[in-house]
Each structure stands twice: as structure tokens, then as C-alpha cells.
Amino acid sequence: MRLRIEADAVVLDIEGTTSATGFVVDVLYPYSRARFAALLTERAGEPAVARAMARVRELTGEPDADAVRIEKTLNAWLDEDRKATPLKTLQGIVWSEGFARGDLVSHFYDDVVPALRTWHAAGVRLYVYSSGSVAAQRAWFSSTPEGDLLPLVSGLYDTENAGPKQEPESYRRIAAAAGVAADRLLFLSDRPGELDAAREAGWRTVGIRRPGEPYYGQGVGGHAQAGTFDEITVTRRNT
């Protein structure tokens, strides 16, 4: 069934929504795991790396943890698929450099990019809200098989600049930063908890259910749902 939704902006989750979780887990995670040691030992003095390492020590309650211990913690968090901000920050640094070198090219489901271009052409603003860092999001959207998609995107949000994805206050922050009324924002995600939080903040929501994705079996609760982006028509008010 095709959904027709009136909204001024669409906010996109990435993993499981625009892109395959399997690509992230099978390609990006091993890529970062193999490069954490060098990052933590050779570049510990860089401000972003130093801040992330300090945050790992804080979260683990290990103020004296050295680079080896921090690497072990990061790898354990990877195994758990924990959405820890310092992990995502360090992954973002590694991935950004990998995309820039051409080692990595991002993945999008076939229905996604045409829909994004259609919505953008219709005057609908596009934003991204992902557990992955803003740096990783920027690299992801600029290094695609379809070329640089960043010009389609009006803003990028992560757990550092917006907050946890299952807390309504995070969605209120995004609405305020974007300058869009809550009821004019549409959030697309595959995770019921995220959809619930967005709806509590007054947003419109659609759950994306793609066979083979980790949250497919959970359904989307009481949210509208779509299997692909081309099942969704988004129009602005008075258009």
C-alpha cells in the first residue's frame, strides 16, 4: 500500500533503513577494528581522538586505561553492537579516511537514492539522524556508487549533537535546530524504539521493514510501515 504523507522535511536513519546492516557489520566494522590500534597509539594527541579516549575511560570507570585496554573495550563494544558515542567517533575518523582514500564505498538500497532525489526536487528538506558520527555520515553520503549525495542533505545529527535515538528529547533538539515544526517532520527508521521516541516528540513516523534486517521480525508497532522508499510519497504543504 502506498503512503502519502505531507511533511516539510524527512529525517533518515541509515543502518537498516537506507542501507544494509550487513554491509556495516561485515565491511565497516572489520575495517575499523583493524585500524583502532594505530589510531589510539599513533594519534592519541589529536583532540578528537584524545576526547574519545577520555570518554571511554569515563564510561568504563578505568581512568588509567592505556591504548591497549581502550582498544579491547572498543572491540568488545563492536561485538555487542553498542551505540557508544566514543566508539562511533573513532569509527567515524577511520571510516572517513577510508572513504577518502577510496578503500570504502557506501551502500544504499536501490529504492533509496531515487526517492531522495524526488523528495529533494519537490522542496522537501532531508536530514540524517544516525548512531554513526556526523563525520561517518558525511563520508557515507559523499562516497556512494551514485556519486556525492551530500548536496541533497540539509543537516546531519548523531548521538553527540542530538542525543540518544530512543529519547524524545533528542527529536525535539533536532526539530529546534532544523527550524521545522514537529508535526512537519517525518522520521524513517527500522527500529520501533526510535519511532516511538520520535512520535512522542510530535513527529510523523514510518517504519521501514526490509526482509533480512535485524528488526524486521519486531514489526513497527502502531506506526505506518513501508517495505521500500518508493512506497512513500512525500509532499509539502500546499503542493
Protein backbone atom coordinates (compact mmCIF):
# COMPACT_ATOMS: atom_id res chain seq x y z
CA MET A 1 0.00 0.00 0.00
CA ARG A 2 1.38 3.38 -0.97
CA LEU A 3 1.71 6.01 1.77
CA ARG A 4 1.10 9.70 1.07
CA ILE A 5 2.50 11.98 3.75
CA GLU A 6 2.57 15.74 3.98
CA ALA A 7 5.84 16.94 5.51
CA ASP A 8 8.38 19.71 5.10
CA ALA A 9 11.38 17.54 5.99
CA VAL A 10 12.36 13.87 6.14
CA VAL A 11 14.86 12.63 8.73
CA LEU A 12 16.64 9.42 7.78
CA ASP A 13 18.09 6.63 9.84
CA ILE A 14 20.86 4.83 7.95
CA GLU A 15 21.52 1.28 9.15
CA GLY A 16 18.60 -0.98 8.24
CA THR A 17 16.70 1.93 6.65
CA THR A 18 18.63 3.49 3.78
CA SER A 19 21.37 0.89 3.85
CA ALA A 20 22.01 -2.74 4.70
CA THR A 21 23.04 -3.53 8.26
CA GLY A 22 25.06 -6.42 6.81
CA PHE A 23 27.30 -4.00 4.93
CA VAL A 24 28.04 -2.04 8.09
CA VAL A 25 28.72 -5.17 10.16
CA ASP A 26 30.60 -7.16 7.54
CA VAL A 27 32.60 -4.37 5.86
CA LEU A 28 32.85 -1.27 8.04
CA TYR A 29 33.22 -2.91 11.45
CA PRO A 30 36.21 -5.08 10.44
CA TYR A 31 37.77 -2.08 8.69
CA SER A 32 37.68 -0.02 11.86
CA ARG A 33 38.68 -2.93 14.11
CA ALA A 34 41.85 -3.43 12.09
CA ARG A 35 42.81 0.25 12.45
CA PHE A 36 41.95 1.09 16.05
CA ALA A 37 45.37 0.14 17.42
CA ALA A 38 47.26 2.50 15.13
CA LEU A 39 44.76 5.29 15.72
CA LEU A 40 45.00 5.02 19.52
CA THR A 41 48.78 4.73 19.68
CA GLU A 42 49.97 6.98 16.87
CA ARG A 43 47.33 9.73 17.04
CA ALA A 44 46.36 9.89 20.71
CA GLY A 45 47.37 13.55 20.81
CA GLU A 46 44.81 14.64 18.25
CA PRO A 47 41.95 16.46 20.03
CA ALA A 48 39.09 14.31 18.69
CA VAL A 49 40.96 11.07 19.45
CA ALA A 50 42.02 12.27 22.89
CA ARG A 51 38.45 13.27 23.79
CA ALA A 52 37.07 9.92 22.67
CA MET A 53 39.72 8.01 24.63
CA ALA A 54 38.94 10.06 27.73
CA ARG A 55 35.25 9.30 27.30
CA VAL A 56 35.95 5.56 27.03
CA ARG A 57 37.89 5.73 30.32
CA GLU A 58 34.99 7.60 31.89
CA LEU A 59 32.33 5.17 30.69
CA THR A 60 34.31 2.12 31.82
CA GLY A 61 35.43 3.62 35.12
CA GLU A 62 39.07 2.95 34.19
CA PRO A 63 40.85 6.33 34.38
CA ASP A 64 44.26 4.75 33.78
CA ALA A 65 43.30 2.62 30.78
CA ASP A 66 46.03 2.68 28.15
CA ALA A 67 45.63 2.38 24.39
CA VAL A 68 45.69 -1.44 24.50
CA ARG A 69 42.95 -1.56 27.12
CA ILE A 70 40.85 1.01 25.26
CA GLU A 71 41.21 -0.98 22.04
CA LYS A 72 39.91 -4.08 23.83
CA THR A 73 36.94 -2.09 25.09
CA LEU A 74 36.17 -0.75 21.63
CA ASN A 75 36.30 -4.24 20.15
CA ALA A 76 34.03 -5.57 22.88
CA TRP A 77 31.56 -2.79 22.14
CA LEU A 78 31.75 -3.69 18.45
CA ASP A 79 30.92 -7.31 19.30
CA GLU A 80 27.90 -6.08 21.26
CA ASP A 81 26.97 -3.52 18.57
CA ARG A 82 26.82 -0.96 21.36
CA LYS A 83 25.92 2.56 20.24
CA ALA A 84 28.57 4.21 22.41
CA THR A 85 29.42 7.75 21.29
CA PRO A 86 33.24 7.48 21.65
CA LEU A 87 33.20 4.25 19.63
CA LYS A 88 31.19 5.96 16.91
CA THR A 89 33.54 8.96 16.98
CA LEU A 90 36.63 6.81 16.46
CA GLN A 91 34.91 4.69 13.83
CA GLY A 92 33.95 7.89 12.05
CA ILE A 93 37.56 9.04 11.90
CA VAL A 94 38.73 5.72 10.47
CA TRP A 95 35.84 5.39 8.03
CA SER A 96 36.12 8.98 6.79
CA GLU A 97 39.73 8.38 5.87
CA GLY A 98 38.85 5.05 4.27
CA PHE A 99 36.16 6.63 2.11
CA ALA A 100 38.50 9.49 1.18
CA ARG A 101 41.20 7.00 0.08
CA GLY A 102 38.73 5.02 -1.97
CA ASP A 103 39.06 1.94 0.25
CA LEU A 104 35.34 2.16 1.01
CA VAL A 105 32.21 2.93 -0.99
CA SER A 106 28.92 3.21 0.88
CA HIS A 107 25.84 1.06 0.32
CA PHE A 108 22.27 2.24 -0.33
CA TYR A 109 19.26 0.11 -1.15
CA ASP A 110 18.22 0.57 -4.79
CA ASP A 111 14.96 2.35 -3.92
CA VAL A 112 16.58 4.98 -1.69
CA VAL A 113 18.55 7.38 -3.89
CA PRO A 114 15.76 7.92 -6.48
CA ALA A 115 13.34 8.69 -3.65
CA LEU A 116 15.75 11.12 -2.01
CA ARG A 117 16.24 12.95 -5.28
CA THR A 118 12.49 13.11 -5.90
CA TRP A 119 11.75 14.46 -2.42
CA HIS A 120 14.58 16.98 -2.62
CA ALA A 121 13.41 18.18 -6.04
CA ALA A 122 9.93 18.68 -4.56
CA GLY A 123 11.36 21.03 -1.94
CA VAL A 124 11.35 18.57 0.94
CA ARG A 125 14.41 19.03 3.14
CA LEU A 126 16.44 15.93 4.02
CA TYR A 127 18.29 15.30 7.26
CA VAL A 128 20.17 12.33 8.69
CA TYR A 129 19.99 11.07 12.28
CA SER A 130 22.20 8.06 12.90
CA SER A 131 24.13 6.45 15.73
CA GLY A 132 27.16 6.76 13.48
CA SER A 133 29.08 10.00 13.96
CA VAL A 134 28.48 13.08 11.82
CA ALA A 135 31.93 12.53 10.28
CA ALA A 136 30.93 8.99 9.29
CA GLN A 137 27.60 10.21 7.91
CA ARG A 138 29.34 12.88 5.83
CA ALA A 139 31.72 10.30 4.38
CA TRP A 140 28.87 7.84 3.80
CA PHE A 141 26.76 10.27 1.78
CA SER A 142 29.68 11.74 -0.16
CA SER A 143 31.17 8.38 -1.25
CA THR A 144 28.33 6.45 -2.86
CA PRO A 145 28.02 4.44 -6.07
CA GLU A 146 25.72 7.26 -7.21
CA GLY A 147 28.30 9.97 -6.51
CA ASP A 148 28.23 12.68 -3.86
CA LEU A 149 24.77 12.88 -2.25
CA LEU A 150 25.67 15.44 0.40
CA PRO A 151 24.15 18.31 -1.63
CA LEU A 152 20.76 16.66 -1.03
CA VAL A 153 21.17 16.80 2.76
CA SER A 154 20.41 19.88 4.87
CA GLY A 155 21.84 18.60 8.17
CA LEU A 156 23.45 15.68 9.99
CA TYR A 157 22.69 14.56 13.55
CA ASP A 158 24.21 11.90 15.78
CA THR A 159 24.12 10.86 19.44
CA GLU A 160 26.61 13.60 20.31
CA ASN A 161 24.88 16.64 18.85
CA ALA A 162 21.29 15.41 19.26
CA GLY A 163 21.30 12.73 21.96
CA PRO A 164 20.28 9.04 22.23
CA LYS A 165 17.98 7.85 19.50
CA GLN A 166 15.35 6.36 21.80
CA GLU A 167 14.77 9.55 23.82
CA PRO A 168 12.06 12.01 22.70
CA GLU A 169 14.17 14.99 23.77
CA SER A 170 16.69 14.16 21.02
CA TYR A 171 14.00 14.63 18.40
CA ARG A 172 12.92 17.92 19.98
CA ARG A 173 16.53 19.14 19.69
CA ILE A 174 16.64 18.22 16.01
CA ALA A 175 13.34 19.96 15.31
CA ALA A 176 14.60 23.11 17.03
CA ALA A 177 17.95 23.02 15.23
CA ALA A 178 16.30 22.42 11.84
CA GLY A 179 13.68 25.07 12.45
CA VAL A 180 10.86 22.73 11.39
CA ALA A 181 7.66 22.19 13.37
CA ALA A 182 7.46 18.73 14.89
CA ASP A 183 4.31 17.78 13.00
CA ARG A 184 6.02 18.71 9.71
CA LEU A 185 8.90 16.26 10.29
CA LEU A 186 8.81 12.67 9.02
CA PHE A 187 11.19 10.12 10.56
CA LEU A 188 12.07 6.90 8.73
CA SER A 189 13.67 4.11 10.77
CA ASP A 190 13.62 0.34 11.15
CA ARG A 191 13.74 0.44 14.98
CA PRO A 192 10.46 0.57 16.91
CA GLY A 193 12.03 2.30 19.93
CA GLU A 194 13.31 5.14 17.78
CA LEU A 195 9.96 5.52 16.04
CA ASP A 196 8.20 5.63 19.41
CA ALA A 197 10.53 8.38 20.65
CA ALA A 198 10.02 10.47 17.51
CA ARG A 199 6.25 10.10 17.71
CA GLU A 200 6.28 11.13 21.38
CA ALA A 201 8.10 14.29 20.28
CA GLY A 202 5.25 15.02 17.87
CA TRP A 203 6.86 13.81 14.65
CA ARG A 204 5.29 11.78 11.88
CA THR A 205 6.80 8.33 11.53
CA VAL A 206 7.08 5.45 9.09
CA GLY A 207 8.75 2.17 9.97
CA ILE A 208 10.87 0.69 7.18
CA ARG A 209 10.67 -3.11 7.13
CA ARG A 210 13.18 -4.82 4.87
CA PRO A 211 13.41 -8.64 4.89
CA GLY A 212 16.70 -9.81 6.33
CA GLU A 213 17.25 -6.76 8.52
CA PRO A 214 17.68 -7.41 12.27
CA TYR A 215 14.49 -5.63 13.38
CA TYR A 216 12.25 -6.96 10.62
CA GLY A 217 10.65 -9.56 12.89
CA GLN A 218 9.74 -7.00 15.55
CA GLY A 219 7.43 -5.10 13.26
CA VAL A 220 6.91 -1.38 13.81
CA GLY A 221 4.25 -1.31 16.49
CA GLY A 222 1.48 1.14 15.76
CA HIS A 223 3.46 3.09 13.17
CA ALA A 224 2.72 3.22 9.46
CA GLN A 225 5.09 0.95 7.60
CA ALA A 226 6.71 0.57 4.19
CA GLY A 227 8.97 -2.03 2.68
CA THR A 228 10.78 0.41 0.40
CA PHE A 229 11.15 4.17 -0.01
CA ASP A 230 9.29 4.13 -3.33
CA GLU A 231 6.14 3.18 -1.42
CA ILE A 232 6.22 6.63 0.22
CA THR A 233 5.12 9.87 -1.43
CA VAL A 234 6.12 12.98 0.50
CA THR A 235 4.61 16.34 -0.36
CA ARG A 236 4.95 19.74 1.24
CA ARG A 237 2.00 21.83 2.43
CA ASN A 238 0.08 23.48 -0.43
CA THR A 239 1.92 21.47 -3.08
